[in-house]
Amino acid sequence: MRRIDEFYKLRDAEDYFEFFELDFDERVLNVKRFHILRKFGELIEKAKTVENLSEEQLLNAYQFALIKIYKDFEGGYNPSAAEVWGLFENPTPCFTCSTQMSCKTEEHGVNHGNCQSQVQLSFS
């Protein structure tokens, strides 16, 4: 199996750090997990749009993105309320699907409805 295929099968934040053999503070990851994975998913999508990257270059870009995002959050970055609430107004592909070439609900058993986050709020 190609290494890039192995990467696209990863699901948990810890798996990404282990895949790239990166150290991480479990406390930081437990507190900032959602935001780290969201930003990481966004950078993965951007990297996928760059043409003519080899598998190695793409994985290097993913590794750099993970390091950068983790260091940002490790240093105390906190998303603003506008960023957090923006998630509900403009959903993006869920992280499971954003790391895939296409959403295959039969593979992970979740219906994402066109790969959009299924955010539902109720204040009642």
N, C-alpha and C. Protein backbone atom coordinates (compact mmCIF):
# COMPACT_ATOMS: atom_id res chain seq x y z
N MET A 1 0.85 -1.18 0.00
CA MET A 1 0.00 0.00 0.00
C MET A 1 0.89 1.24 0.00
N ARG A 2 0.51 2.21 -0.83
CA ARG A 2 1.27 3.45 -0.87
C ARG A 2 1.08 4.22 0.43
N ARG A 3 2.08 4.99 0.77
CA ARG A 3 2.05 5.75 2.02
C ARG A 3 0.92 6.77 2.02
N ILE A 4 0.66 7.38 0.88
CA ILE A 4 -0.43 8.37 0.80
C ILE A 4 -1.78 7.71 1.07
N ASP A 5 -1.94 6.48 0.61
CA ASP A 5 -3.17 5.74 0.88
C ASP A 5 -3.32 5.45 2.37
N GLU A 6 -2.21 5.13 3.02
CA GLU A 6 -2.22 4.93 4.46
C GLU A 6 -2.67 6.21 5.17
N PHE A 7 -2.14 7.35 4.70
CA PHE A 7 -2.49 8.64 5.30
C PHE A 7 -4.00 8.88 5.21
N TYR A 8 -4.58 8.64 4.05
CA TYR A 8 -6.00 8.91 3.85
C TYR A 8 -6.91 7.99 4.64
N LYS A 9 -6.37 6.95 5.25
CA LYS A 9 -7.17 6.05 6.08
C LYS A 9 -7.16 6.46 7.56
N LEU A 10 -6.30 7.41 7.91
CA LEU A 10 -6.20 7.85 9.30
C LEU A 10 -7.46 8.58 9.71
N ARG A 11 -7.83 8.49 10.98
CA ARG A 11 -9.04 9.13 11.48
C ARG A 11 -8.81 10.00 12.72
N ASP A 12 -8.03 9.52 13.65
CA ASP A 12 -7.84 10.22 14.92
C ASP A 12 -6.65 11.15 14.86
N ALA A 13 -6.73 12.23 15.62
CA ALA A 13 -5.65 13.21 15.66
C ALA A 13 -4.32 12.55 16.04
N GLU A 14 -4.37 11.67 17.02
CA GLU A 14 -3.15 11.00 17.45
C GLU A 14 -2.53 10.20 16.31
N ASP A 15 -3.38 9.62 15.46
CA ASP A 15 -2.88 8.83 14.33
C ASP A 15 -2.06 9.68 13.37
N TYR A 16 -2.47 10.92 13.16
CA TYR A 16 -1.72 11.81 12.25
C TYR A 16 -0.33 12.11 12.82
N PHE A 17 -0.28 12.38 14.12
CA PHE A 17 1.01 12.66 14.75
C PHE A 17 1.91 11.42 14.71
N GLU A 18 1.34 10.26 14.97
CA GLU A 18 2.12 9.02 14.92
C GLU A 18 2.58 8.72 13.50
N PHE A 19 1.73 8.96 12.52
CA PHE A 19 2.07 8.71 11.12
C PHE A 19 3.32 9.50 10.73
N PHE A 20 3.36 10.77 11.15
CA PHE A 20 4.50 11.63 10.81
C PHE A 20 5.61 11.57 11.86
N GLU A 21 5.44 10.72 12.87
CA GLU A 21 6.42 10.55 13.94
C GLU A 21 6.72 11.88 14.63
N LEU A 22 5.65 12.58 14.99
CA LEU A 22 5.76 13.88 15.66
C LEU A 22 5.35 13.76 17.12
N ASP A 23 6.09 14.44 17.98
CA ASP A 23 5.73 14.50 19.39
C ASP A 23 4.59 15.49 19.57
N PHE A 24 3.74 15.22 20.55
CA PHE A 24 2.66 16.14 20.86
C PHE A 24 2.32 16.03 22.34
N ASP A 25 1.76 17.10 22.87
CA ASP A 25 1.31 17.13 24.25
C ASP A 25 -0.15 16.70 24.24
N GLU A 26 -0.43 15.60 24.89
CA GLU A 26 -1.79 15.06 24.91
C GLU A 26 -2.78 16.06 25.48
N ARG A 27 -2.35 16.87 26.45
CA ARG A 27 -3.26 17.86 27.04
C ARG A 27 -3.67 18.90 26.01
N VAL A 28 -2.72 19.38 25.20
CA VAL A 28 -3.03 20.36 24.16
C VAL A 28 -3.98 19.74 23.15
N LEU A 29 -3.69 18.52 22.75
CA LEU A 29 -4.52 17.86 21.75
C LEU A 29 -5.93 17.60 22.28
N ASN A 30 -6.05 17.23 23.53
CA ASN A 30 -7.37 16.97 24.11
C ASN A 30 -8.22 18.23 24.19
N VAL A 31 -7.58 19.35 24.46
CA VAL A 31 -8.32 20.61 24.60
C VAL A 31 -8.61 21.25 23.25
N LYS A 32 -7.69 21.17 22.31
CA LYS A 32 -7.80 21.88 21.03
C LYS A 32 -8.05 20.95 19.85
N ARG A 33 -8.38 19.71 20.09
CA ARG A 33 -8.52 18.70 19.04
C ARG A 33 -9.39 19.15 17.87
N PHE A 34 -10.58 19.59 18.15
CA PHE A 34 -11.51 19.97 17.09
C PHE A 34 -10.92 21.06 16.19
N HIS A 35 -10.37 22.08 16.80
CA HIS A 35 -9.83 23.21 16.04
C HIS A 35 -8.57 22.82 15.27
N ILE A 36 -7.73 21.99 15.86
CA ILE A 36 -6.53 21.52 15.16
C ILE A 36 -6.93 20.71 13.94
N LEU A 37 -7.85 19.76 14.12
CA LEU A 37 -8.27 18.92 12.99
C LEU A 37 -8.98 19.73 11.91
N ARG A 38 -9.76 20.70 12.31
CA ARG A 38 -10.47 21.53 11.32
C ARG A 38 -9.47 22.31 10.46
N LYS A 39 -8.53 22.99 11.10
CA LYS A 39 -7.53 23.76 10.37
C LYS A 39 -6.65 22.84 9.52
N PHE A 40 -6.30 21.69 10.06
CA PHE A 40 -5.49 20.73 9.33
C PHE A 40 -6.25 20.27 8.07
N GLY A 41 -7.52 19.98 8.21
CA GLY A 41 -8.34 19.59 7.06
C GLY A 41 -8.40 20.67 5.99
N GLU A 42 -8.48 21.93 6.42
CA GLU A 42 -8.49 23.04 5.47
C GLU A 42 -7.18 23.10 4.68
N LEU A 43 -6.06 22.94 5.38
CA LEU A 43 -4.77 22.99 4.70
C LEU A 43 -4.55 21.78 3.80
N ILE A 44 -5.08 20.64 4.18
CA ILE A 44 -5.00 19.46 3.32
C ILE A 44 -5.72 19.74 2.01
N GLU A 45 -6.90 20.33 2.10
CA GLU A 45 -7.66 20.64 0.89
C GLU A 45 -6.90 21.61 -0.01
N LYS A 46 -6.25 22.60 0.59
CA LYS A 46 -5.46 23.55 -0.20
C LYS A 46 -4.28 22.86 -0.88
N ALA A 47 -3.61 21.98 -0.14
CA ALA A 47 -2.45 21.27 -0.70
C ALA A 47 -2.87 20.38 -1.87
N LYS A 48 -4.06 19.81 -1.81
CA LYS A 48 -4.54 18.94 -2.88
C LYS A 48 -4.72 19.69 -4.19
N THR A 49 -4.88 21.01 -4.12
CA THR A 49 -5.12 21.79 -5.34
C THR A 49 -3.84 22.15 -6.07
N VAL A 50 -2.70 21.97 -5.42
CA VAL A 50 -1.42 22.28 -6.06
C VAL A 50 -1.11 21.18 -7.07
N GLU A 51 -0.87 21.58 -8.28
CA GLU A 51 -0.62 20.61 -9.34
C GLU A 51 0.82 20.11 -9.34
N ASN A 52 0.99 18.93 -9.86
CA ASN A 52 2.30 18.31 -10.11
C ASN A 52 3.12 18.05 -8.85
N LEU A 53 2.47 17.81 -7.72
CA LEU A 53 3.21 17.43 -6.52
C LEU A 53 3.35 15.92 -6.49
N SER A 54 4.53 15.47 -6.15
CA SER A 54 4.72 14.03 -5.98
C SER A 54 4.06 13.62 -4.67
N GLU A 55 3.92 12.33 -4.48
CA GLU A 55 3.35 11.81 -3.23
C GLU A 55 4.18 12.29 -2.04
N GLU A 56 5.49 12.24 -2.19
CA GLU A 56 6.38 12.67 -1.11
C GLU A 56 6.21 14.16 -0.80
N GLN A 57 6.12 14.99 -1.83
CA GLN A 57 5.93 16.42 -1.63
C GLN A 57 4.59 16.72 -0.96
N LEU A 58 3.56 15.98 -1.37
CA LEU A 58 2.25 16.18 -0.77
C LEU A 58 2.27 15.79 0.71
N LEU A 59 2.87 14.67 1.03
CA LEU A 59 2.97 14.26 2.43
C LEU A 59 3.82 15.23 3.24
N ASN A 60 4.87 15.78 2.64
CA ASN A 60 5.67 16.79 3.32
C ASN A 60 4.84 18.03 3.61
N ALA A 61 4.00 18.42 2.65
CA ALA A 61 3.12 19.58 2.86
C ALA A 61 2.14 19.29 3.99
N TYR A 62 1.59 18.08 4.04
CA TYR A 62 0.66 17.71 5.11
C TYR A 62 1.37 17.73 6.47
N GLN A 63 2.58 17.21 6.50
CA GLN A 63 3.34 17.19 7.75
C GLN A 63 3.63 18.61 8.23
N PHE A 64 4.06 19.46 7.31
CA PHE A 64 4.34 20.85 7.67
C PHE A 64 3.07 21.53 8.19
N ALA A 65 1.94 21.28 7.53
CA ALA A 65 0.67 21.88 7.95
C ALA A 65 0.32 21.44 9.37
N LEU A 66 0.49 20.16 9.66
CA LEU A 66 0.17 19.66 11.00
C LEU A 66 1.08 20.29 12.05
N ILE A 67 2.36 20.39 11.75
CA ILE A 67 3.30 21.01 12.69
C ILE A 67 2.92 22.47 12.93
N LYS A 68 2.67 23.21 11.86
CA LYS A 68 2.34 24.63 11.98
C LYS A 68 1.08 24.85 12.82
N ILE A 69 0.05 24.10 12.51
CA ILE A 69 -1.22 24.27 13.23
C ILE A 69 -1.06 23.89 14.69
N TYR A 70 -0.41 22.77 14.94
CA TYR A 70 -0.21 22.34 16.32
C TYR A 70 0.58 23.40 17.10
N LYS A 71 1.65 23.92 16.51
CA LYS A 71 2.46 24.93 17.18
C LYS A 71 1.64 26.20 17.45
N ASP A 72 0.78 26.57 16.51
CA ASP A 72 -0.09 27.74 16.72
C ASP A 72 -0.96 27.53 17.96
N PHE A 73 -1.59 26.37 18.06
CA PHE A 73 -2.48 26.10 19.19
C PHE A 73 -1.70 25.84 20.47
N GLU A 74 -0.55 25.24 20.36
CA GLU A 74 0.29 25.00 21.52
C GLU A 74 0.72 26.33 22.14
N GLY A 75 0.91 27.33 21.27
CA GLY A 75 1.32 28.65 21.73
C GLY A 75 0.20 29.48 22.31
N GLY A 76 -1.00 28.93 22.36
CA GLY A 76 -2.09 29.61 23.01
C GLY A 76 -3.14 30.21 22.10
N TYR A 77 -3.08 29.92 20.80
CA TYR A 77 -4.09 30.44 19.89
C TYR A 77 -5.46 29.91 20.29
N ASN A 78 -6.41 30.80 20.35
CA ASN A 78 -7.79 30.43 20.60
C ASN A 78 -8.64 31.02 19.49
N PRO A 79 -9.47 30.22 18.85
CA PRO A 79 -10.32 30.76 17.80
C PRO A 79 -11.31 31.76 18.38
N SER A 80 -11.64 32.76 17.58
CA SER A 80 -12.61 33.75 18.03
C SER A 80 -14.01 33.16 17.98
N ALA A 81 -14.92 33.80 18.67
CA ALA A 81 -16.32 33.35 18.64
C ALA A 81 -16.85 33.39 17.21
N ALA A 82 -16.43 34.38 16.43
CA ALA A 82 -16.88 34.48 15.04
C ALA A 82 -16.44 33.26 14.24
N GLU A 83 -15.22 32.79 14.47
CA GLU A 83 -14.74 31.60 13.76
C GLU A 83 -15.56 30.37 14.15
N VAL A 84 -15.82 30.22 15.44
CA VAL A 84 -16.57 29.06 15.91
C VAL A 84 -18.00 29.10 15.39
N TRP A 85 -18.66 30.24 15.50
CA TRP A 85 -20.05 30.33 15.02
C TRP A 85 -20.11 30.25 13.51
N GLY A 86 -19.06 30.66 12.83
CA GLY A 86 -19.02 30.55 11.38
C GLY A 86 -19.10 29.10 10.92
N LEU A 87 -18.68 28.18 11.77
CA LEU A 87 -18.77 26.76 11.43
C LEU A 87 -20.21 26.34 11.21
N PHE A 88 -21.11 26.94 11.97
CA PHE A 88 -22.51 26.55 11.87
C PHE A 88 -23.18 27.20 10.66
N GLU A 89 -22.71 28.38 10.29
CA GLU A 89 -23.30 29.08 9.15
C GLU A 89 -22.76 28.58 7.82
N ASN A 90 -21.49 28.21 7.77
CA ASN A 90 -20.84 27.76 6.54
C ASN A 90 -20.15 26.44 6.77
N PRO A 91 -20.93 25.34 6.84
CA PRO A 91 -20.28 24.06 7.11
C PRO A 91 -19.33 23.67 5.98
N THR A 92 -18.26 22.99 6.35
CA THR A 92 -17.30 22.49 5.39
C THR A 92 -17.35 20.98 5.45
N PRO A 93 -16.69 20.30 4.53
CA PRO A 93 -16.70 18.84 4.60
C PRO A 93 -16.21 18.37 5.95
N CYS A 94 -16.82 17.33 6.45
CA CYS A 94 -16.38 16.78 7.73
C CYS A 94 -14.94 16.32 7.60
N PHE A 95 -14.24 16.20 8.69
CA PHE A 95 -12.84 15.86 8.61
C PHE A 95 -12.64 14.47 8.02
N THR A 96 -13.53 13.56 8.34
CA THR A 96 -13.42 12.22 7.78
C THR A 96 -13.38 12.29 6.27
N CYS A 97 -14.28 13.08 5.71
CA CYS A 97 -14.36 13.15 4.25
C CYS A 97 -13.32 14.11 3.68
N SER A 98 -12.94 15.12 4.42
CA SER A 98 -12.00 16.09 3.86
C SER A 98 -10.62 15.51 3.63
N THR A 99 -10.34 14.38 4.26
CA THR A 99 -9.05 13.75 4.04
C THR A 99 -9.13 12.66 2.98
N GLN A 100 -10.27 12.55 2.33
CA GLN A 100 -10.47 11.54 1.30
C GLN A 100 -10.57 12.21 -0.06
N MET A 101 -10.32 11.45 -1.11
CA MET A 101 -10.47 11.98 -2.45
C MET A 101 -11.95 12.17 -2.77
N SER A 102 -12.81 11.37 -2.18
CA SER A 102 -14.25 11.54 -2.33
C SER A 102 -14.90 10.89 -1.12
N CYS A 103 -16.11 11.31 -0.83
CA CYS A 103 -16.84 10.75 0.31
C CYS A 103 -17.42 9.41 -0.07
N LYS A 104 -17.07 8.41 0.66
CA LYS A 104 -17.62 7.08 0.42
C LYS A 104 -18.28 6.65 1.72
N THR A 105 -19.55 7.00 1.86
CA THR A 105 -20.24 6.74 3.12
C THR A 105 -20.24 5.27 3.49
N GLU A 106 -20.20 4.38 2.50
CA GLU A 106 -20.21 2.96 2.83
C GLU A 106 -18.93 2.55 3.54
N GLU A 107 -17.84 3.32 3.37
CA GLU A 107 -16.58 2.97 4.02
C GLU A 107 -16.57 3.30 5.50
N HIS A 108 -17.19 4.42 5.86
CA HIS A 108 -17.16 4.77 7.28
C HIS A 108 -18.54 4.79 7.91
N GLY A 109 -19.55 4.35 7.15
CA GLY A 109 -20.87 4.09 7.71
C GLY A 109 -21.63 5.30 8.19
N VAL A 110 -21.30 6.48 7.70
CA VAL A 110 -22.00 7.68 8.11
C VAL A 110 -22.50 8.39 6.88
N ASN A 111 -23.73 8.84 6.91
CA ASN A 111 -24.26 9.59 5.79
C ASN A 111 -23.99 11.06 6.02
N HIS A 112 -23.12 11.64 5.22
CA HIS A 112 -22.75 13.03 5.39
C HIS A 112 -23.53 13.96 4.48
N GLY A 113 -24.46 13.46 3.71
CA GLY A 113 -25.28 14.30 2.86
C GLY A 113 -24.47 15.28 2.04
N ASN A 114 -23.92 14.84 0.95
CA ASN A 114 -23.06 15.67 0.09
C ASN A 114 -21.81 16.12 0.81
N CYS A 115 -21.36 15.34 1.78
CA CYS A 115 -20.09 15.62 2.46
C CYS A 115 -20.13 16.92 3.26
N GLN A 116 -21.26 17.37 3.67
CA GLN A 116 -21.35 18.58 4.47
C GLN A 116 -21.52 18.20 5.94
N SER A 117 -20.97 19.00 6.82
CA SER A 117 -21.11 18.74 8.25
C SER A 117 -22.59 18.74 8.58
N GLN A 118 -22.95 17.87 9.46
CA GLN A 118 -24.35 17.74 9.84
C GLN A 118 -24.59 18.47 11.16
N VAL A 119 -24.36 19.76 11.15
CA VAL A 119 -24.51 20.56 12.36
C VAL A 119 -25.96 20.96 12.53
N GLN A 120 -26.51 20.63 13.67
CA GLN A 120 -27.89 21.02 13.97
C GLN A 120 -27.91 21.59 15.37
N LEU A 121 -28.45 22.76 15.50
CA LEU A 121 -28.53 23.42 16.79
C LEU A 121 -29.98 23.48 17.24
N SER A 122 -30.20 23.32 18.51
CA SER A 122 -31.54 23.47 19.06
C SER A 122 -31.41 24.18 20.39
N PHE A 123 -32.10 25.27 20.53
CA PHE A 123 -32.02 26.03 21.80
C PHE A 123 -33.28 25.89 22.61
N SER A 124 -34.09 24.88 22.31
CA SER A 124 -35.34 24.69 23.07
C SER A 124 -35.13 23.85 24.29
